[in-house]
Protein backbone atom coordinates (compact mmCIF):
# COMPACT_ATOMS: atom_id res chain seq x y z
CA MET A 1 0.00 0.00 0.00
CA ARG A 2 1.52 3.33 -1.10
CA ILE A 3 0.96 6.11 1.44
CA MET A 4 1.63 9.87 1.41
CA LEU A 5 1.77 11.90 4.64
CA VAL A 6 0.82 15.59 4.76
CA ASP A 7 1.13 17.55 8.01
CA ASP A 8 2.57 20.98 8.82
CA GLU A 9 4.15 19.58 12.00
CA LYS A 10 7.37 17.69 11.21
CA LEU A 11 7.28 15.73 14.49
CA SER A 12 3.80 14.40 13.64
CA ILE A 13 5.04 13.19 10.25
CA VAL A 14 8.06 11.46 11.80
CA GLN A 15 5.90 9.68 14.39
CA MET A 16 3.29 8.56 11.85
CA LYS A 17 5.98 7.37 9.44
CA MET A 18 7.60 5.24 12.14
CA MET A 19 4.28 3.66 13.13
CA LEU A 20 3.30 2.86 9.54
CA GLU A 21 6.66 1.43 8.51
CA LYS A 22 6.34 -1.24 11.23
CA LEU A 23 3.34 -2.66 9.34
CA GLU A 24 3.53 -5.13 6.46
CA ASP A 25 3.24 -4.05 2.83
CA ILE A 26 3.37 -0.32 3.63
CA VAL A 27 5.49 2.05 1.53
CA ILE A 28 5.73 5.76 2.36
CA VAL A 29 6.07 7.41 -1.06
CA GLY A 30 6.26 11.01 0.16
CA THR A 31 6.01 13.32 3.17
CA TYR A 32 4.97 16.97 2.88
CA LEU A 33 4.72 19.91 5.27
CA ASP A 34 2.88 22.01 2.68
CA ALA A 35 -0.51 21.05 1.23
CA MET A 36 0.09 22.77 -2.12
CA GLU A 37 3.27 20.74 -2.68
CA ALA A 38 1.39 17.54 -1.87
CA ILE A 39 -1.36 18.37 -4.39
CA GLN A 40 1.25 18.85 -7.11
CA ALA A 41 3.00 15.59 -6.19
CA VAL A 42 0.09 13.14 -6.13
CA ARG A 43 -0.22 12.96 -9.93
CA ASP A 44 3.37 11.68 -10.27
CA LEU A 45 3.64 9.63 -7.07
CA ARG A 46 0.13 8.10 -7.38
CA PRO A 47 -0.25 6.95 -3.76
CA ASP A 48 -3.12 4.67 -2.77
CA VAL A 49 -3.74 6.69 0.41
CA VAL A 50 -3.07 10.18 1.76
CA PHE A 51 -2.99 10.86 5.49
CA LEU A 52 -3.96 14.54 5.74
CA ASP A 53 -3.70 16.82 8.75
CA ILE A 54 -6.73 19.12 8.82
CA SER A 55 -5.35 22.15 10.65
CA MET A 56 -2.72 23.56 8.27
CA PRO A 57 -1.98 27.16 7.24
CA VAL A 58 -2.90 28.64 3.83
CA MET A 59 -4.95 25.59 2.81
CA ASN A 60 -6.47 23.25 5.37
CA GLY A 61 -6.70 19.49 4.95
CA LEU A 62 -10.38 19.49 3.99
CA GLN A 63 -9.69 21.82 1.07
CA ALA A 64 -6.52 19.95 0.14
CA GLY A 65 -8.39 16.63 0.15
CA ILE A 66 -10.78 17.87 -2.53
CA HIS A 67 -7.92 19.07 -4.75
CA ILE A 68 -5.97 15.83 -4.25
CA GLN A 69 -8.97 13.72 -5.17
CA ASN A 70 -9.57 15.86 -8.25
CA GLU A 71 -6.02 15.03 -9.35
CA LEU A 72 -6.32 11.32 -8.48
CA PRO A 73 -9.98 10.22 -8.28
CA ASP A 74 -9.27 6.74 -6.92
CA ILE A 75 -7.23 7.86 -3.92
CA GLU A 76 -8.30 7.09 -0.34
CA ILE A 77 -8.10 9.86 2.26
CA VAL A 78 -7.59 9.59 6.02
CA PHE A 79 -7.86 12.85 7.97
CA VAL A 80 -5.70 13.37 11.06
CA THR A 81 -6.16 16.21 13.57
CA ALA A 82 -6.01 17.17 17.21
CA TYR A 83 -9.59 18.49 17.14
CA ASP A 84 -12.71 16.35 16.81
CA ASN A 85 -15.00 19.23 15.71
CA TYR A 86 -13.95 18.56 12.10
CA ALA A 87 -15.36 15.04 12.06
CA ILE A 88 -18.68 15.86 10.39
CA GLN A 89 -17.01 17.86 7.62
CA ALA A 90 -14.48 15.09 7.08
CA PHE A 91 -17.11 12.43 6.57
CA GLU A 92 -19.19 14.70 4.33
CA LEU A 93 -16.18 14.52 2.02
CA ASN A 94 -16.41 10.72 2.21
CA ALA A 95 -13.07 10.23 3.87
CA LEU A 96 -12.34 6.61 4.66
CA ASP A 97 -11.41 7.38 8.27
CA TYR A 98 -10.68 10.11 10.79
CA LEU A 99 -7.87 9.86 13.35
CA LEU A 100 -7.43 12.01 16.45
CA LYS A 101 -3.96 13.00 17.62
CA PRO A 102 -2.12 11.51 19.33
CA VAL A 103 -2.68 8.49 17.11
CA HIS A 104 -2.45 5.13 18.91
CA ASN A 105 -1.17 1.93 17.31
CA GLU A 106 -4.38 -0.03 17.86
CA ARG A 107 -6.52 2.67 16.23
CA LEU A 108 -4.08 3.01 13.33
CA HIS A 109 -4.18 -0.76 12.72
CA LYS A 110 -7.96 -0.61 12.36
CA THR A 111 -7.63 2.17 9.81
CA ILE A 112 -5.08 0.19 7.79
CA GLU A 113 -7.36 -2.85 7.78
CA ARG A 114 -10.23 -0.71 6.52
CA LEU A 115 -7.96 0.67 3.81
CA ARG A 116 -6.88 -2.78 2.69
CA SER A 117 -10.50 -3.93 2.55
CA ARG A 118 -11.60 -0.85 0.58
CA ILE A 119 -8.73 -1.08 -1.90
CA GLN A 120 -9.29 -4.82 -2.47
CA SER A 121 -13.05 -4.40 -2.97
CA GLY A 122 -12.46 -1.50 -5.34
CA ALA A 123 -10.04 -3.60 -7.38
CA ALA A 124 -12.56 -6.44 -7.50
CA ALA A 125 -15.30 -4.08 -8.74
CA THR A 126 -12.97 -2.76 -11.41
CA ASP A 127 -12.00 -6.27 -12.54
CA LEU A 128 -15.66 -7.27 -12.78
CA ALA A 129 -16.49 -4.18 -14.81
CA LYS A 130 -13.52 -4.81 -17.11
CA GLU A 131 -14.57 -8.40 -17.72
CA GLU A 132 -18.33 -8.00 -18.00
CA GLY A 133 -19.00 -4.30 -18.48
CA GLY A 134 -22.04 -2.41 -17.31
CA ARG A 135 -24.77 -0.16 -18.60
CA VAL A 136 -25.84 3.36 -17.71
CA CYS A 137 -29.48 4.30 -18.35
CA PHE A 138 -30.72 7.83 -19.06
CA PHE A 139 -34.22 7.13 -20.32
CA GLN A 140 -36.58 8.47 -17.64
CA ASN A 141 -33.93 8.61 -14.87
CA ILE A 142 -30.27 7.86 -14.21
CA ARG A 143 -29.60 4.21 -13.35
CA PHE A 144 -26.69 1.78 -13.50
CA GLN A 145 -27.07 -1.84 -14.53
CA GLN A 146 -24.55 -4.39 -13.33
CA PRO A 147 -24.16 -7.44 -15.61
CA GLY A 148 -26.95 -9.93 -14.98
CA ARG A 149 -28.94 -7.52 -12.78
CA GLU A 150 -31.78 -5.06 -13.14
CA PRO A 151 -30.89 -1.34 -13.45
CA GLU A 152 -30.75 0.48 -10.11
CA LEU A 153 -31.07 4.18 -9.35
CA ILE A 154 -27.70 5.77 -8.62
CA LYS A 155 -27.55 7.19 -5.10
CA TRP A 156 -25.92 10.58 -5.56
CA ARG A 157 -24.72 12.46 -2.50
CA THR A 158 -26.27 15.72 -3.74
CA ASN A 159 -28.53 16.89 -6.56
CA LYS A 160 -25.62 19.01 -7.83
CA ALA A 161 -23.43 15.90 -8.21
CA GLN A 162 -26.22 14.18 -10.13
CA GLU A 163 -26.75 17.08 -12.51
CA LEU A 164 -23.02 17.55 -13.03
CA PHE A 165 -22.67 13.91 -14.11
CA ALA A 166 -25.76 14.17 -16.35
CA TYR A 167 -24.36 17.32 -17.98
CA LEU A 168 -20.96 15.70 -18.59
CA PHE A 169 -22.74 12.71 -20.15
CA HIS A 170 -24.86 15.03 -22.29
CA TYR A 171 -21.61 16.50 -23.69
CA ARG A 172 -19.71 13.22 -23.36
CA ASN A 173 -17.58 13.67 -26.48
CA GLN A 174 -16.48 17.18 -25.51
CA ILE A 175 -14.48 18.93 -22.82
CA VAL A 176 -16.84 20.88 -20.56
CA ARG A 177 -15.19 24.04 -19.35
CA LYS A 178 -15.14 24.93 -15.68
CA ASP A 179 -16.84 28.29 -16.29
CA SER A 180 -19.74 26.50 -18.05
CA LEU A 181 -20.29 24.32 -14.97
CA LEU A 182 -20.10 27.32 -12.66
CA GLU A 183 -22.71 29.16 -14.72
CA LEU A 184 -24.94 26.07 -14.87
CA LEU A 185 -24.85 25.06 -11.20
CA TRP A 186 -23.85 28.16 -9.23
CA SER A 187 -24.98 31.14 -11.28
CA GLY A 188 -24.93 34.35 -9.25
CA ILE A 189 -22.59 32.99 -6.56
CA GLU A 190 -19.23 34.65 -5.95
CA GLU A 191 -16.61 32.90 -8.13
CA ARG A 192 -14.27 31.78 -5.36
CA LYS A 193 -17.09 30.22 -3.37
CA ALA A 194 -18.62 28.68 -6.50
CA SER A 195 -15.26 27.15 -7.49
CA GLN A 196 -14.94 25.54 -4.08
CA GLN A 197 -18.44 24.13 -4.45
CA LEU A 198 -17.49 22.77 -7.87
CA TYR A 199 -14.41 20.97 -6.52
CA THR A 200 -16.51 19.44 -3.75
CA THR A 201 -19.17 18.32 -6.21
CA ILE A 202 -16.59 16.80 -8.59
CA TYR A 203 -15.20 14.93 -5.60
CA GLN A 204 -18.64 13.63 -4.62
CA ALA A 205 -19.52 12.57 -8.17
CA ARG A 206 -16.22 10.73 -8.57
CA ARG A 207 -16.73 8.85 -5.33
CA THR A 208 -20.21 7.78 -6.40
CA LEU A 209 -18.98 6.65 -9.81
CA LYS A 210 -16.17 4.65 -8.22
CA GLU A 211 -18.53 2.92 -5.81
CA MET A 212 -20.97 2.24 -8.64
CA SER A 213 -18.68 1.05 -11.41
CA GLY A 214 -15.16 0.63 -10.11
CA GLU A 215 -12.97 2.67 -12.45
CA VAL A 216 -14.76 2.17 -15.76
CA ILE A 217 -16.52 5.56 -15.63
CA GLN A 218 -14.39 8.53 -14.59
CA ILE A 219 -14.49 12.31 -14.62
CA GLN A 220 -11.11 13.41 -15.88
CA ASN A 221 -9.46 16.82 -15.70
CA ALA A 222 -8.70 18.38 -19.07
CA ARG A 223 -5.01 19.13 -18.89
CA LEU A 224 -4.84 21.79 -21.63
CA THR A 225 -7.80 23.82 -20.38
CA GLU A 226 -9.78 24.35 -17.20
CA GLY A 227 -12.45 21.75 -17.73
CA TYR A 228 -13.59 18.16 -17.38
CA LYS A 229 -14.51 15.27 -19.64
CA LEU A 230 -16.33 12.00 -19.06
CA TYR A 231 -14.22 8.91 -19.73
CA TRP A 232 -15.47 5.33 -19.86
CA ARG A 233 -14.48 1.90 -21.11
CA ASN A 234 -16.52 -1.23 -21.68
CA VAL A 235 -19.73 0.56 -20.63
CA ALA A 236 -22.95 0.82 -22.65
CA PHE A 237 -25.37 3.76 -22.60
CA ASP A 238 -29.04 3.00 -23.23
CA VAL A 239 -29.58 6.20 -25.25
CA SER A 240 -26.70 5.45 -27.63
CA GLU A 241 -27.74 1.79 -27.88
CA TRP A 242 -31.32 2.72 -28.71
CA GLU A 243 -30.45 5.24 -31.39
CA GLY A 244 -27.96 2.80 -32.92
CA LYS A 245 -30.64 0.10 -33.18
CA LEU A 246 -33.06 2.62 -34.67
CA ASP A 247 -30.56 3.74 -37.32
CA ALA A 248 -29.76 0.13 -38.22
CA LEU A 249 -33.38 -0.80 -39.03
CA GLU A 250 -34.17 -1.67 -42.63
CA PRO A 251 -37.56 -0.75 -44.17
CA LEU A 252 -40.33 -2.45 -42.22
CA HIS A 253 -41.52 -5.85 -43.45
CA ALA A 254 -42.82 -9.10 -41.94
CA GLY A 255 -39.29 -10.45 -41.45
CA ASN A 256 -38.05 -7.63 -39.21
CA VAL A 257 -41.19 -6.51 -37.39
CA GLN A 258 -39.82 -7.95 -34.12
CA ASP A 259 -36.76 -5.70 -34.44
CA TYR A 260 -39.14 -2.73 -34.66
CA GLU A 261 -41.02 -4.02 -31.62
CA GLN A 262 -37.74 -4.26 -29.67
CA VAL A 263 -36.82 -0.65 -30.48
CA LEU A 264 -40.30 0.36 -29.38
CA ALA A 265 -39.89 -1.44 -26.04
CA ASP A 266 -36.34 -0.20 -25.39
CA TYR A 267 -37.50 3.42 -25.17
CA GLU A 268 -38.43 3.36 -21.47
CA GLY A 269 -39.34 7.03 -21.10
CA GLY A 270 -38.12 10.48 -22.05
CA TYR A 271 -34.45 11.38 -21.91
CA LEU A 272 -33.76 12.44 -18.28
CA ALA A 273 -37.51 12.97 -18.02
CA ASP A 274 -37.64 12.79 -14.21
CA TYR A 275 -35.39 15.84 -13.87
CA ASP A 276 -36.14 19.46 -14.69
CA TYR A 277 -32.96 20.14 -16.67
CA ALA A 278 -33.61 22.96 -19.15
CA TRP A 279 -30.34 22.20 -20.98
CA ALA A 280 -31.60 18.67 -21.79
CA GLN A 281 -34.87 19.79 -23.38
CA ALA A 282 -33.67 19.94 -26.99
CA GLU A 283 -32.22 16.42 -26.87
CA GLN A 284 -35.32 15.20 -25.04
CA ASP A 285 -37.51 16.61 -27.83
CA ARG A 286 -35.30 15.14 -30.56
CA LEU A 287 -35.33 11.62 -29.12
CA ARG A 288 -39.05 11.85 -28.38
CA TRP A 289 -39.76 12.81 -32.00
CA LEU A 290 -37.69 9.85 -33.26
CA TRP A 291 -39.62 7.51 -30.97
CA ILE A 292 -43.03 8.87 -31.94
CA THR A 293 -42.18 8.57 -35.65
CA HIS A 294 -41.03 4.99 -35.11
CA THR A 295 -44.16 4.10 -33.13
CA VAL A 296 -46.52 5.56 -35.71
CA LYS A 297 -44.68 3.68 -38.47
CA LEU A 298 -45.14 0.38 -36.61
CA SER A 299 -48.81 1.09 -35.87
CA ASP A 300 -49.48 2.04 -39.50
CA TYR A 301 -47.82 -1.18 -40.65
CA TYR A 302 -50.15 -3.27 -38.50
CA LEU A 303 -53.15 -1.34 -39.79
CA ALA A 304 -52.07 -1.92 -43.39
CA GLN A 305 -51.87 -5.65 -42.62
CA GLY A 306 -55.36 -5.60 -41.11
CA LEU A 307 -53.95 -6.26 -37.63
CA ARG A 308 -56.01 -3.74 -35.71
CA GLU A 309 -55.45 -5.33 -32.29
CA ASP A 310 -51.69 -5.00 -32.73
CA ALA A 311 -52.12 -1.39 -33.84
CA ILE A 312 -54.18 -0.70 -30.70
CA ARG A 313 -51.52 -2.38 -28.54
CA VAL A 314 -48.79 -0.16 -30.03
CA GLN A 315 -50.85 3.02 -29.52
CA LEU A 316 -51.65 2.06 -25.92
CA HIS A 317 -47.95 1.47 -25.31
CA MET A 318 -47.17 4.93 -26.67
CA GLN A 319 -49.77 6.40 -24.34
CA ARG A 320 -48.37 4.62 -21.27
CA VAL A 321 -44.85 5.81 -21.93
CA ASP A 322 -45.81 9.38 -22.84
CA PRO A 323 -49.38 10.30 -21.79
CA LEU A 324 -49.21 13.77 -23.38
CA ILE A 325 -49.18 12.64 -27.02
CA GLU A 326 -52.61 13.72 -28.28
CA GLU A 327 -52.15 11.73 -31.49
CA SER A 328 -52.23 8.40 -29.61
CA TYR A 329 -55.65 9.17 -28.11
CA PHE A 330 -57.00 10.30 -31.49
CA ASN A 331 -55.68 7.20 -33.24
CA LEU A 332 -57.21 4.96 -30.58
CA MET A 333 -60.53 6.77 -30.89
CA LYS A 334 -60.53 5.94 -34.62
CA LEU A 335 -59.40 2.34 -34.05
CA TYR A 336 -62.02 1.65 -31.39
CA THR A 337 -64.68 3.11 -33.68
CA ALA A 338 -63.50 0.87 -36.54
CA ILE A 339 -63.91 -2.26 -34.39
CA HIS A 340 -67.29 -1.03 -33.07
CA HIS A 341 -66.09 -0.35 -29.52
CA PRO A 342 -67.82 2.96 -28.61
CA VAL A 343 -66.99 2.67 -24.91
CA GLY A 344 -63.28 2.52 -25.74
CA MET A 345 -63.63 5.57 -27.99
CA GLU A 346 -65.43 7.54 -25.26
CA GLU A 347 -62.81 6.57 -22.66
CA GLN A 348 -59.99 7.80 -24.88
CA TYR A 349 -61.59 11.21 -25.36
CA ARG A 350 -62.31 11.59 -21.64
CA SER A 351 -58.78 10.53 -20.74
CA LEU A 352 -57.31 13.01 -23.22
CA THR A 353 -59.48 15.82 -21.88
CA ALA A 354 -58.48 15.07 -18.28
CA ILE A 355 -54.73 14.77 -18.89
CA LEU A 356 -54.57 17.97 -20.96
CA GLU A 357 -56.48 19.91 -18.32
CA GLN A 358 -54.40 18.58 -15.42
CA GLN A 359 -50.97 18.78 -17.02
CA LEU A 360 -51.17 21.58 -19.56
CA ASP A 361 -54.29 23.53 -18.60
CA THR A 362 -55.66 23.19 -22.12
CA VAL A 363 -58.29 21.22 -24.07
CA PRO A 364 -58.19 18.77 -27.00
CA SER A 365 -57.58 20.30 -30.42
CA GLU A 366 -60.53 21.46 -32.51
CA GLU A 367 -59.95 18.61 -34.99
CA VAL A 368 -60.17 15.93 -32.28
CA THR A 369 -63.23 17.48 -30.63
CA GLU A 370 -65.11 17.85 -33.92
CA TRP A 371 -64.35 14.24 -34.86
CA TYR A 372 -65.49 13.05 -31.44
CA LEU A 373 -68.78 14.93 -31.60
CA ALA A 374 -69.45 13.55 -35.07
CA HIS A 375 -68.83 9.92 -34.04
CA ARG A 376 -70.09 9.71 -30.47
CA SER A 377 -73.09 7.46 -29.84
């Protein structure tokens, strides 16, 4: 285990170094009295763990921990201090442990065992992800799917961390500049304070991603500019998968109708639909339009083949996934009328009227209302 020690008191570093070097498989890769020097060194030394004193001049250990983790996302941090009133702040930053000075051998041994366990479990998660991959879902909400399991909601530490990750995914093939993130998430806040909030949020998002996927999804610093970029390997994204399947479809015929059905089913809801992200609206609308066009094409095919029940099934599916598509209600009104099911037609008009009033404070279009009045019993 490679360990770096950072403390402005030289005697504290000497004592901690002596205690650690008595343990097996411990290598001290660097000792620093200045937090800024330690931050610059972690990228080259790449320690597994940093023991950080909290009470240091210029930059305290809590601030330094955020910067260190931004440089090396996988690093483990143990805070060390003579004062226990920092404990809550330390654990908000997801530190592995918190040691009070003077540090005793028995307490230090427990910390080392926790570190070994965390590092081994992290390596195992990474190996699993490398071998089998994973899948991130953005239809409806943000979930992660381990191989052989159902997708699960990702438990973000804050809403800011969640939106930051979603925004980096949205621009996943680009570098997102720091000032863009500050404007998005902390508009109107003084720049120094906003920057500190950004570093904390990057830290939180990285910890969540590591716990979720090992190291296969990372937020990396852009070295040539002040910004960040999402990096991944051997991970699938449901949005990209879905659009790829859609683009690969040949003209619809009896031999590939099941492929069309699969694309229909794979669209589980609007892009990031559970979140009120204004910046995602254009992409949400684009994907929704592609899905509606695909659904109508499949429904029209079934109608042309005289398969009205299948056409009804497809329109009902559209309605369940996106209840605000007026066209699905109108199409079902026509289909139920064609199969002499007036109750079904009436129910569709009433449902449309109710959903439009509740959600949009409006009424069905003039075309739909006129058709309904002309065909009602």
